[in-house]
């Protein structure tokens, strides 16, 4: 059995726009619903959603039946959390709160087996198709996609050093935390925040790495893509559910 190909990794490396959705409901049933909606990638969020390894696994399993790539966001840049998500078959990771070159390098090391990294070795896991993928340990990194998230002033200051770390496949700007870090909590549209995002995207592109972001409205999403994002999340499942059910209730009340 061959190592599963990572189409998302290939697409962003080639500069092909990938449209995504945040998946935060911690449910395999709801994940399967959005998996068939036509997105290129889905973020299974374990940082700000009530997901654990078991619920993440269930969502990876149902999403696998659809032509969309799951991206798991660990709760933190932690080698144990990263190891567990890799072992259950995640091939794309979005590591939050990376602020400098050392933290980016640590994230890379967590995805590599010794001697290139510190990932623990387990031969019979879902990642290796339970031992059926030949030479999995030697080849796993070929199809892993590591995205690191910039969401602080320090991260912006070190952006080029982070982006140029070998093994970092893309750099994602987290607009909500970035706004907070710049002194504009809850104001992602503030001119200073928008200027920082635009400049950040430019700098990521200058490092020959794909840039990504999360937008919560169409105008922002289209603006970020115009500025140069290559993997762009255009909404969140919880927001879609909340706003659309509000609209439905208002029709009758």
Protein backbone atom coordinates (compact mmCIF):
# COMPACT_ATOMS: atom_id res chain seq x y z
CA UNK A 1 0.00 0.00 0.00
CA UNK A 2 1.37 3.41 -0.97
CA UNK A 3 1.64 6.53 1.14
CA UNK A 4 -1.50 8.67 0.58
CA UNK A 5 -0.82 11.72 -1.58
CA UNK A 6 -1.28 15.16 -0.05
CA UNK A 7 -3.11 17.09 -2.75
CA UNK A 8 -3.47 20.20 -0.57
CA UNK A 9 0.30 20.43 -0.08
CA UNK A 10 0.86 20.17 -3.82
CA UNK A 11 -1.83 22.73 -4.59
CA UNK A 12 -0.57 25.48 -2.29
CA UNK A 13 3.03 24.88 -3.38
CA UNK A 14 1.85 25.44 -6.95
CA UNK A 15 -0.02 28.60 -5.96
CA UNK A 16 -3.50 27.22 -6.66
CA UNK A 17 -6.13 28.91 -4.48
CA UNK A 18 -7.62 26.57 -1.89
CA UNK A 19 -10.90 27.61 -0.28
CA UNK A 20 -11.51 26.29 3.23
CA UNK A 21 -13.92 26.19 6.15
CA UNK A 22 -13.32 26.08 9.91
CA UNK A 23 -14.90 22.98 11.47
CA UNK A 24 -15.60 23.57 15.16
CA UNK A 25 -18.72 21.60 16.07
CA UNK A 26 -16.71 18.58 17.28
CA UNK A 27 -19.06 16.18 15.51
CA UNK A 28 -18.36 13.59 12.84
CA UNK A 29 -21.93 13.96 11.62
CA UNK A 30 -21.63 17.71 10.99
CA UNK A 31 -18.12 17.26 9.59
CA UNK A 32 -19.48 14.85 7.01
CA UNK A 33 -22.16 17.34 6.02
CA UNK A 34 -19.64 20.07 5.23
CA UNK A 35 -17.16 17.60 3.72
CA UNK A 36 -19.50 17.24 0.76
CA UNK A 37 -20.08 20.97 0.32
CA UNK A 38 -17.30 21.58 -2.18
CA UNK A 39 -14.50 23.10 -0.10
CA UNK A 40 -10.86 22.29 -0.82
CA UNK A 41 -9.85 22.02 2.85
CA UNK A 42 -11.43 21.85 6.28
CA UNK A 43 -9.79 22.82 9.57
CA UNK A 44 -10.60 20.45 12.42
CA UNK A 45 -9.94 22.83 15.27
CA UNK A 46 -8.79 21.47 18.63
CA UNK A 47 -7.52 24.79 20.01
CA UNK A 48 -10.78 26.69 20.46
CA UNK A 49 -13.25 23.82 20.02
CA UNK A 50 -14.16 20.89 22.32
CA UNK A 51 -12.26 18.36 20.20
CA UNK A 52 -9.97 15.67 21.56
CA UNK A 53 -8.02 12.97 19.74
CA UNK A 54 -11.01 10.61 19.57
CA UNK A 55 -13.42 13.17 18.08
CA UNK A 56 -10.71 14.35 15.69
CA UNK A 57 -10.18 10.76 14.55
CA UNK A 58 -13.91 10.31 13.88
CA UNK A 59 -13.94 13.44 11.74
CA UNK A 60 -10.84 12.38 9.80
CA UNK A 61 -12.54 9.06 9.07
CA UNK A 62 -15.75 10.54 7.67
CA UNK A 63 -13.98 13.30 5.74
CA UNK A 64 -11.80 10.68 4.04
CA UNK A 65 -14.74 9.64 1.86
CA UNK A 66 -14.87 13.08 0.21
CA UNK A 67 -12.53 15.03 -2.12
CA UNK A 68 -11.49 17.55 0.53
CA UNK A 69 -8.35 17.77 2.68
CA UNK A 70 -8.62 17.86 6.48
CA UNK A 71 -6.19 20.15 8.31
CA UNK A 72 -5.91 19.56 12.06
CA UNK A 73 -5.08 22.47 14.34
CA UNK A 74 -3.47 21.16 17.54
CA UNK A 75 -4.28 23.03 20.73
CA UNK A 76 -0.65 24.12 21.00
CA UNK A 77 2.80 23.76 19.47
CA UNK A 78 3.44 20.65 21.54
CA UNK A 79 5.29 17.58 20.30
CA UNK A 80 2.99 15.20 22.17
CA UNK A 81 -0.20 16.71 20.73
CA UNK A 82 1.35 16.80 17.27
CA UNK A 83 2.48 13.17 17.53
CA UNK A 84 -0.98 11.99 18.50
CA UNK A 85 -2.65 13.79 15.59
CA UNK A 86 -0.10 12.47 13.14
CA UNK A 87 -0.56 8.91 14.40
CA UNK A 88 -4.33 9.03 13.76
CA UNK A 89 -3.66 10.01 10.16
CA UNK A 90 -3.55 13.79 9.95
CA UNK A 91 -1.32 14.79 7.04
CA UNK A 92 -1.84 18.54 7.37
CA UNK A 93 -1.29 20.48 10.60
CA UNK A 94 -1.89 24.12 11.44
CA UNK A 95 0.25 24.89 14.47
CA UNK A 96 -0.89 27.96 16.42
CA UNK A 97 1.01 30.80 18.10
CA UNK A 98 4.40 30.40 16.47
CA UNK A 99 6.43 33.48 17.36
CA UNK A 100 10.01 32.84 16.30
CA UNK A 101 12.37 30.67 14.30
CA UNK A 102 13.01 28.30 17.21
CA UNK A 103 9.31 27.58 17.72
CA UNK A 104 8.86 26.98 14.00
CA UNK A 105 11.82 24.58 14.01
CA UNK A 106 10.34 22.77 17.03
CA UNK A 107 7.08 22.28 15.13
CA UNK A 108 8.98 20.82 12.19
CA UNK A 109 10.96 18.50 14.48
CA UNK A 110 7.71 17.23 16.01
CA UNK A 111 6.64 15.99 12.56
CA UNK A 112 9.92 14.20 11.76
CA UNK A 113 11.21 10.90 13.04
CA UNK A 114 14.76 10.70 14.47
CA UNK A 115 17.37 11.67 13.56
CA UNK A 116 15.74 14.55 11.71
CA UNK A 117 13.23 15.19 14.50
CA UNK A 118 11.63 13.97 17.71
CA UNK A 119 8.43 12.24 16.61
CA UNK A 120 7.94 9.00 18.48
CA UNK A 121 7.93 5.84 16.37
CA UNK A 122 4.84 3.62 16.30
CA UNK A 123 4.64 1.20 13.41
CA UNK A 124 1.00 0.11 13.46
CA UNK A 125 -1.12 3.27 13.34
CA UNK A 126 -3.81 4.71 11.09
CA UNK A 127 -1.14 6.99 9.62
CA UNK A 128 0.75 4.00 8.21
CA UNK A 129 -2.49 2.22 7.31
CA UNK A 130 -1.76 -0.04 10.26
CA UNK A 131 1.67 -1.01 9.01
CA UNK A 132 0.65 -1.52 5.39
CA UNK A 133 2.49 1.50 3.94
CA UNK A 134 6.00 0.38 3.00
CA UNK A 135 8.78 2.48 4.55
CA UNK A 136 6.25 4.80 6.19
CA UNK A 137 8.72 6.13 8.77
CA UNK A 138 11.26 7.01 6.10
CA UNK A 139 8.75 8.64 3.74
CA UNK A 140 6.02 10.16 5.93
CA UNK A 141 7.45 13.70 5.76
CA UNK A 142 7.08 13.70 1.97
CA UNK A 143 3.30 13.96 2.26
CA UNK A 144 3.03 15.95 5.49
CA UNK A 145 2.07 19.62 5.24
CA UNK A 146 3.05 21.89 8.13
CA UNK A 147 1.39 25.29 8.37
CA UNK A 148 2.45 27.68 11.12
CA UNK A 149 0.25 30.41 12.50
CA UNK A 150 1.43 33.99 13.03
CA UNK A 151 -0.81 35.84 15.46
CA UNK A 152 1.35 38.18 17.58
CA UNK A 153 3.53 41.24 17.13
CA UNK A 154 6.58 39.09 17.88
CA UNK A 155 5.53 36.65 15.20
CA UNK A 156 5.27 39.50 12.70
CA UNK A 157 8.69 40.78 13.70
CA UNK A 158 10.17 37.33 13.02
CA UNK A 159 8.04 36.47 10.02
CA UNK A 160 10.83 35.98 7.47
CA UNK A 161 12.88 33.81 9.83
CA UNK A 162 9.80 31.67 10.53
CA UNK A 163 8.80 31.35 6.88
CA UNK A 164 12.28 30.28 5.82
CA UNK A 165 12.53 27.38 8.27
CA UNK A 166 12.99 24.20 6.26
CA UNK A 167 9.90 22.06 6.65
CA UNK A 168 7.43 24.92 6.99
CA UNK A 169 5.07 24.55 4.02
CA UNK A 170 2.90 27.61 4.57
CA UNK A 171 2.34 30.56 6.89
CA UNK A 172 -1.12 31.40 8.20
CA UNK A 173 -2.05 34.78 9.65
CA UNK A 174 -4.50 34.58 12.57
CA UNK A 175 -6.40 37.87 12.34
CA UNK A 176 -8.32 37.73 15.64
CA UNK A 177 -5.31 37.19 17.90
CA UNK A 178 -3.20 39.50 15.76
CA UNK A 179 -5.76 42.27 16.26
CA UNK A 180 -5.63 41.68 20.01
CA UNK A 181 -1.84 41.69 20.01
CA UNK A 182 -1.80 44.99 18.17
CA UNK A 183 -4.11 46.55 20.76
CA UNK A 184 -7.35 46.27 18.80
CA UNK A 185 -9.18 43.38 20.47
CA UNK A 186 -12.26 42.41 18.45
CA UNK A 187 -11.41 44.88 15.68
CA UNK A 188 -10.01 42.82 12.83
CA UNK A 189 -11.05 45.52 10.39
CA UNK A 190 -9.02 48.24 12.14
CA UNK A 191 -6.74 50.00 9.63
CA UNK A 192 -3.58 49.09 11.59
CA UNK A 193 -4.59 45.41 11.67
CA UNK A 194 -5.48 45.35 7.98
CA UNK A 195 -2.20 47.05 7.10
CA UNK A 196 -0.29 44.46 9.13
CA UNK A 197 -2.15 41.63 7.40
CA UNK A 198 -1.50 43.05 3.94
CA UNK A 199 2.19 43.55 4.69
CA UNK A 200 2.42 40.10 6.27
CA UNK A 201 0.99 38.45 3.17
CA UNK A 202 3.45 40.39 1.01
CA UNK A 203 6.38 39.29 3.16
CA UNK A 204 5.29 35.64 3.18
CA UNK A 205 5.07 35.69 -0.62
CA UNK A 206 8.53 37.28 -0.79
CA UNK A 207 9.86 34.24 1.08
CA UNK A 208 8.33 32.01 -1.63
CA UNK A 209 5.92 30.44 0.83
CA UNK A 210 2.12 30.28 0.46
CA UNK A 211 0.11 32.55 2.75
CA UNK A 212 -3.18 31.68 4.41
CA UNK A 213 -5.83 33.35 6.55
CA UNK A 214 -9.34 33.01 8.01
CA UNK A 215 -11.99 35.52 6.93
CA UNK A 216 -15.48 35.82 8.40
CA UNK A 217 -17.17 37.70 5.55
CA UNK A 218 -17.04 37.69 1.76
CA UNK A 219 -15.52 41.14 1.38
CA UNK A 220 -12.58 40.31 3.65
CA UNK A 221 -12.01 36.94 2.01
CA UNK A 222 -11.89 38.45 -1.47
CA UNK A 223 -9.60 41.25 -0.27
CA UNK A 224 -7.15 38.79 1.30
CA UNK A 225 -7.10 36.69 -1.85
CA UNK A 226 -6.44 39.81 -3.90
CA UNK A 227 -3.54 40.58 -1.57
CA UNK A 228 -2.13 37.12 -2.21
CA UNK A 229 -3.42 34.43 0.15
CA UNK A 230 -3.28 30.96 -1.39
CA UNK A 231 -5.18 28.96 1.23
CA UNK A 232 -8.13 31.01 2.43
CA UNK A 233 -10.73 29.89 4.96
CA UNK A 234 -13.94 31.79 4.20
CA UNK A 235 -16.06 30.95 7.23
CA UNK A 236 -16.77 28.79 10.26
CA UNK A 237 -19.39 26.09 10.59
CA UNK A 238 -20.57 27.46 13.94
CA UNK A 239 -20.98 30.95 12.50
CA UNK A 240 -22.91 29.67 9.49
CA UNK A 241 -25.21 27.65 11.75
CA UNK A 242 -25.75 30.51 14.22
CA UNK A 243 -26.43 33.24 11.64
CA UNK A 244 -28.59 31.14 9.33
CA UNK A 245 -30.77 29.82 12.16
CA UNK A 246 -31.18 33.39 13.42
CA UNK A 247 -32.40 34.41 9.97
CA UNK A 248 -34.86 31.52 9.92
CA UNK A 249 -36.25 32.37 13.34
CA UNK A 250 -36.72 36.04 12.35
CA UNK A 251 -38.84 35.01 9.38
CA UNK A 252 -41.51 33.74 11.74
CA UNK A 253 -41.18 35.98 14.79
